[in-house]
Amino acid sequence: MGGIGFPELIIIFLVLLLVFGAKRIPEIARGIGKGIREFKSAT
């Protein structure tokens, strides 16, 4: 089994769009990015 490819990312994004709505996506992405940055600085 391979990793996550581009088609899978598109499907995941569309599902997130349906679940959260277009207005919440940047807010969620910002939170995820902030979490990743904090994790990298902690290690």
PDB file of N, CA and C in Angstrom:
ATOM      1  N   MET A   1       0.840  -1.211   0.000  1.00  0.00           N
ATOM      2  CA  MET A   1       0.000   0.000   0.000  1.00  0.00           C
ATOM      3  C   MET A   1       0.867   1.249   0.000  1.00  0.00           C
ATOM      4  N   GLY A   2       0.524   2.186  -0.836  1.00  0.00           N
ATOM      5  CA  GLY A   2       1.266   3.436  -0.901  1.00  0.00           C
ATOM      6  C   GLY A   2       0.757   4.428   0.135  1.00  0.00           C
ATOM      7  N   GLY A   3       1.372   5.566   0.144  1.00  0.00           N
ATOM      8  CA  GLY A   3       0.947   6.630   1.053  1.00  0.00           C
ATOM      9  C   GLY A   3      -0.277   7.347   0.507  1.00  0.00           C
ATOM     10  N   ILE A   4      -0.556   8.480   1.081  1.00  0.00           N
ATOM     11  CA  ILE A   4      -1.691   9.279   0.620  1.00  0.00           C
ATOM     12  C   ILE A   4      -1.265  10.045  -0.626  1.00  0.00           C
ATOM     13  N   GLY A   5      -1.994   9.843  -1.702  1.00  0.00           N
ATOM     14  CA  GLY A   5      -1.693  10.526  -2.957  1.00  0.00           C
ATOM     15  C   GLY A   5      -2.568  11.757  -3.126  1.00  0.00           C
ATOM     16  N   PHE A   6      -2.409  12.410  -4.258  1.00  0.00           N
ATOM     17  CA  PHE A   6      -3.167  13.629  -4.540  1.00  0.00           C
ATOM     18  C   PHE A   6      -4.677  13.394  -4.592  1.00  0.00           C
ATOM     19  N   PRO A   7      -5.156  12.312  -5.240  1.00  0.00           N
ATOM     20  CA  PRO A   7      -6.616  12.082  -5.266  1.00  0.00           C
ATOM     21  C   PRO A   7      -7.210  11.911  -3.867  1.00  0.00           C
ATOM     22  N   GLU A   8      -6.480  11.225  -2.999  1.00  0.00           N
ATOM     23  CA  GLU A   8      -6.965  11.042  -1.631  1.00  0.00           C
ATOM     24  C   GLU A   8      -7.056  12.375  -0.898  1.00  0.00           C
ATOM     25  N   LEU A   9      -6.058  13.238  -1.107  1.00  0.00           N
ATOM     26  CA  LEU A   9      -6.082  14.565  -0.478  1.00  0.00           C
ATOM     27  C   LEU A   9      -7.287  15.373  -0.943  1.00  0.00           C
ATOM     28  N   ILE A  10      -7.620  15.270  -2.227  1.00  0.00           N
ATOM     29  CA  ILE A  10      -8.790  15.980  -2.767  1.00  0.00           C
ATOM     30  C   ILE A  10     -10.056  15.481  -2.081  1.00  0.00           C
ATOM     31  N   ILE A  11     -10.187  14.155  -1.951  1.00  0.00           N
ATOM     32  CA  ILE A  11     -11.378  13.569  -1.324  1.00  0.00           C
ATOM     33  C   ILE A  11     -11.478  14.005   0.134  1.00  0.00           C
ATOM     34  N   ILE A  12     -10.354  13.956   0.856  1.00  0.00           N
ATOM     35  CA  ILE A  12     -10.351  14.372   2.262  1.00  0.00           C
ATOM     36  C   ILE A  12     -10.764  15.838   2.381  1.00  0.00           C
ATOM     37  N   PHE A  13     -10.232  16.685   1.504  1.00  0.00           N
ATOM     38  CA  PHE A  13     -10.574  18.109   1.534  1.00  0.00           C
ATOM     39  C   PHE A  13     -12.058  18.324   1.276  1.00  0.00           C
ATOM     40  N   LEU A  14     -12.616  17.593   0.308  1.00  0.00           N
ATOM     41  CA  LEU A  14     -14.046  17.732   0.010  1.00  0.00           C
ATOM     42  C   LEU A  14     -14.902  17.298   1.193  1.00  0.00           C
ATOM     43  N   VAL A  15     -14.507  16.212   1.866  1.00  0.00           N
ATOM     44  CA  VAL A  15     -15.250  15.753   3.047  1.00  0.00           C
ATOM     45  C   VAL A  15     -15.186  16.810   4.144  1.00  0.00           C
ATOM     46  N   LEU A  16     -13.993  17.370   4.388  1.00  0.00           N
ATOM     47  CA  LEU A  16     -13.857  18.427   5.393  1.00  0.00           C
ATOM     48  C   LEU A  16     -14.717  19.634   5.036  1.00  0.00           C
ATOM     49  N   LEU A  17     -14.752  19.966   3.755  1.00  0.00           N
ATOM     50  CA  LEU A  17     -15.558  21.092   3.292  1.00  0.00           C
ATOM     51  C   LEU A  17     -17.032  20.850   3.601  1.00  0.00           C
ATOM     52  N   LEU A  18     -17.503  19.626   3.372  1.00  0.00           N
ATOM     53  CA  LEU A  18     -18.897  19.289   3.651  1.00  0.00           C
ATOM     54  C   LEU A  18     -19.181  19.309   5.149  1.00  0.00           C
ATOM     55  N   VAL A  19     -18.237  18.784   5.947  1.00  0.00           N
ATOM     56  CA  VAL A  19     -18.467  18.672   7.392  1.00  0.00           C
ATOM     57  C   VAL A  19     -18.407  20.038   8.072  1.00  0.00           C
ATOM     58  N   PHE A  20     -17.369  20.814   7.794  1.00  0.00           N
ATOM     59  CA  PHE A  20     -17.140  22.058   8.525  1.00  0.00           C
ATOM     60  C   PHE A  20     -17.652  23.304   7.818  1.00  0.00           C
ATOM     61  N   GLY A  21     -17.800  23.247   6.524  1.00  0.00           N
ATOM     62  CA  GLY A  21     -18.202  24.434   5.778  1.00  0.00           C
ATOM     63  C   GLY A  21     -16.987  25.244   5.365  1.00  0.00           C
ATOM     64  N   ALA A  22     -17.130  26.043   4.328  1.00  0.00           N
ATOM     65  CA  ALA A  22     -15.999  26.762   3.742  1.00  0.00           C
ATOM     66  C   ALA A  22     -15.413  27.811   4.687  1.00  0.00           C
ATOM     67  N   LYS A  23     -16.227  28.382   5.566  1.00  0.00           N
ATOM     68  CA  LYS A  23     -15.738  29.459   6.438  1.00  0.00           C
ATOM     69  C   LYS A  23     -14.826  28.944   7.544  1.00  0.00           C
ATOM     70  N   ARG A  24     -15.010  27.689   7.971  1.00  0.00           N
ATOM     71  CA  ARG A  24     -14.222  27.161   9.082  1.00  0.00           C
ATOM     72  C   ARG A  24     -12.886  26.567   8.646  1.00  0.00           C
ATOM     73  N   ILE A  25     -12.724  26.251   7.355  1.00  0.00           N
ATOM     74  CA  ILE A  25     -11.517  25.560   6.877  1.00  0.00           C
ATOM     75  C   ILE A  25     -10.224  26.332   7.190  1.00  0.00           C
ATOM     76  N   PRO A  26     -10.117  27.634   6.881  1.00  0.00           N
ATOM     77  CA  PRO A  26      -8.860  28.341   7.196  1.00  0.00           C
ATOM     78  C   PRO A  26      -8.553  28.359   8.691  1.00  0.00           C
ATOM     79  N   GLU A  27      -9.589  28.482   9.497  1.00  0.00           N
ATOM     80  CA  GLU A  27      -9.422  28.490  10.954  1.00  0.00           C
ATOM     81  C   GLU A  27      -8.853  27.153  11.436  1.00  0.00           C
ATOM     82  N   ILE A  28      -9.384  26.062  10.913  1.00  0.00           N
ATOM     83  CA  ILE A  28      -8.913  24.727  11.284  1.00  0.00           C
ATOM     84  C   ILE A  28      -7.483  24.519  10.799  1.00  0.00           C
ATOM     85  N   ALA A  29      -7.199  24.926   9.561  1.00  0.00           N
ATOM     86  CA  ALA A  29      -5.854  24.774   9.000  1.00  0.00           C
ATOM     87  C   ALA A  29      -4.837  25.562   9.817  1.00  0.00           C
ATOM     88  N   ARG A  30      -5.224  26.752  10.268  1.00  0.00           N
ATOM     89  CA  ARG A  30      -4.337  27.572  11.091  1.00  0.00           C
ATOM     90  C   ARG A  30      -4.035  26.855  12.406  1.00  0.00           C
ATOM     91  N   GLY A  31      -5.054  26.275  13.008  1.00  0.00           N
ATOM     92  CA  GLY A  31      -4.865  25.538  14.256  1.00  0.00           C
ATOM     93  C   GLY A  31      -3.951  24.339  14.080  1.00  0.00           C
ATOM     94  N   ILE A  32      -4.123  23.609  12.983  1.00  0.00           N
ATOM     95  CA  ILE A  32      -3.276  22.444  12.707  1.00  0.00           C
ATOM     96  C   ILE A  32      -1.833  22.888  12.485  1.00  0.00           C
ATOM     97  N   GLY A  33      -1.645  23.954  11.705  1.00  0.00           N
ATOM     98  CA  GLY A  33      -0.302  24.474  11.449  1.00  0.00           C
ATOM     99  C   GLY A  33       0.390  24.914  12.726  1.00  0.00           C
ATOM    100  N   LYS A  34      -0.360  25.574  13.597  1.00  0.00           N
ATOM    101  CA  LYS A  34       0.189  26.026  14.870  1.00  0.00           C
ATOM    102  C   LYS A  34       0.600  24.830  15.729  1.00  0.00           C
ATOM    103  N   GLY A  35      -0.232  23.800  15.737  1.00  0.00           N
ATOM    104  CA  GLY A  35       0.083  22.590  16.494  1.00  0.00           C
ATOM    105  C   GLY A  35       1.336  21.902  15.977  1.00  0.00           C
ATOM    106  N   ILE A  36       1.480  21.830  14.659  1.00  0.00           N
ATOM    107  CA  ILE A  36       2.659  21.201  14.053  1.00  0.00           C
ATOM    108  C   ILE A  36       3.915  22.001  14.395  1.00  0.00           C
ATOM    109  N   ARG A  37       3.818  23.339  14.322  1.00  0.00           N
ATOM    110  CA  ARG A  37       4.960  24.195  14.671  1.00  0.00           C
ATOM    111  C   ARG A  37       5.377  23.982  16.122  1.00  0.00           C
ATOM    112  N   GLU A  38       4.401  23.939  17.028  1.00  0.00           N
ATOM    113  CA  GLU A  38       4.717  23.736  18.444  1.00  0.00           C
ATOM    114  C   GLU A  38       5.347  22.370  18.669  1.00  0.00           C
ATOM    115  N   PHE A  39       4.843  21.359  17.957  1.00  0.00           N
ATOM    116  CA  PHE A  39       5.397  20.014  18.083  1.00  0.00           C
ATOM    117  C   PHE A  39       6.847  19.975  17.610  1.00  0.00           C
ATOM    118  N   LYS A  40       7.134  20.641  16.481  1.00  0.00           N
ATOM    119  CA  LYS A  40       8.499  20.662  15.943  1.00  0.00           C
ATOM    120  C   LYS A  40       9.450  21.400  16.883  1.00  0.00           C
ATOM    121  N   SER A  41       8.983  22.478  17.488  1.00  0.00           N
ATOM    122  CA  SER A  41       9.857  23.233  18.386  1.00  0.00           C
ATOM    123  C   SER A  41      10.087  22.484  19.698  1.00  0.00           C
ATOM    124  N   ALA A  42       9.155  21.611  20.072  1.00  0.00           N
ATOM    125  CA  ALA A  42       9.294  20.847  21.306  1.00  0.00           C
ATOM    126  C   ALA A  42      10.266  19.685  21.142  1.00  0.00           C
ATOM    127  N   THR A  43      10.427  19.196  19.914  1.00  0.00           N
ATOM    128  CA  THR A  43      11.314  18.039  19.709  1.00  0.00           C
ATOM    129  C   THR A  43      12.712  18.470  19.331  1.00  0.00           C
TER     130      THR A  43
END
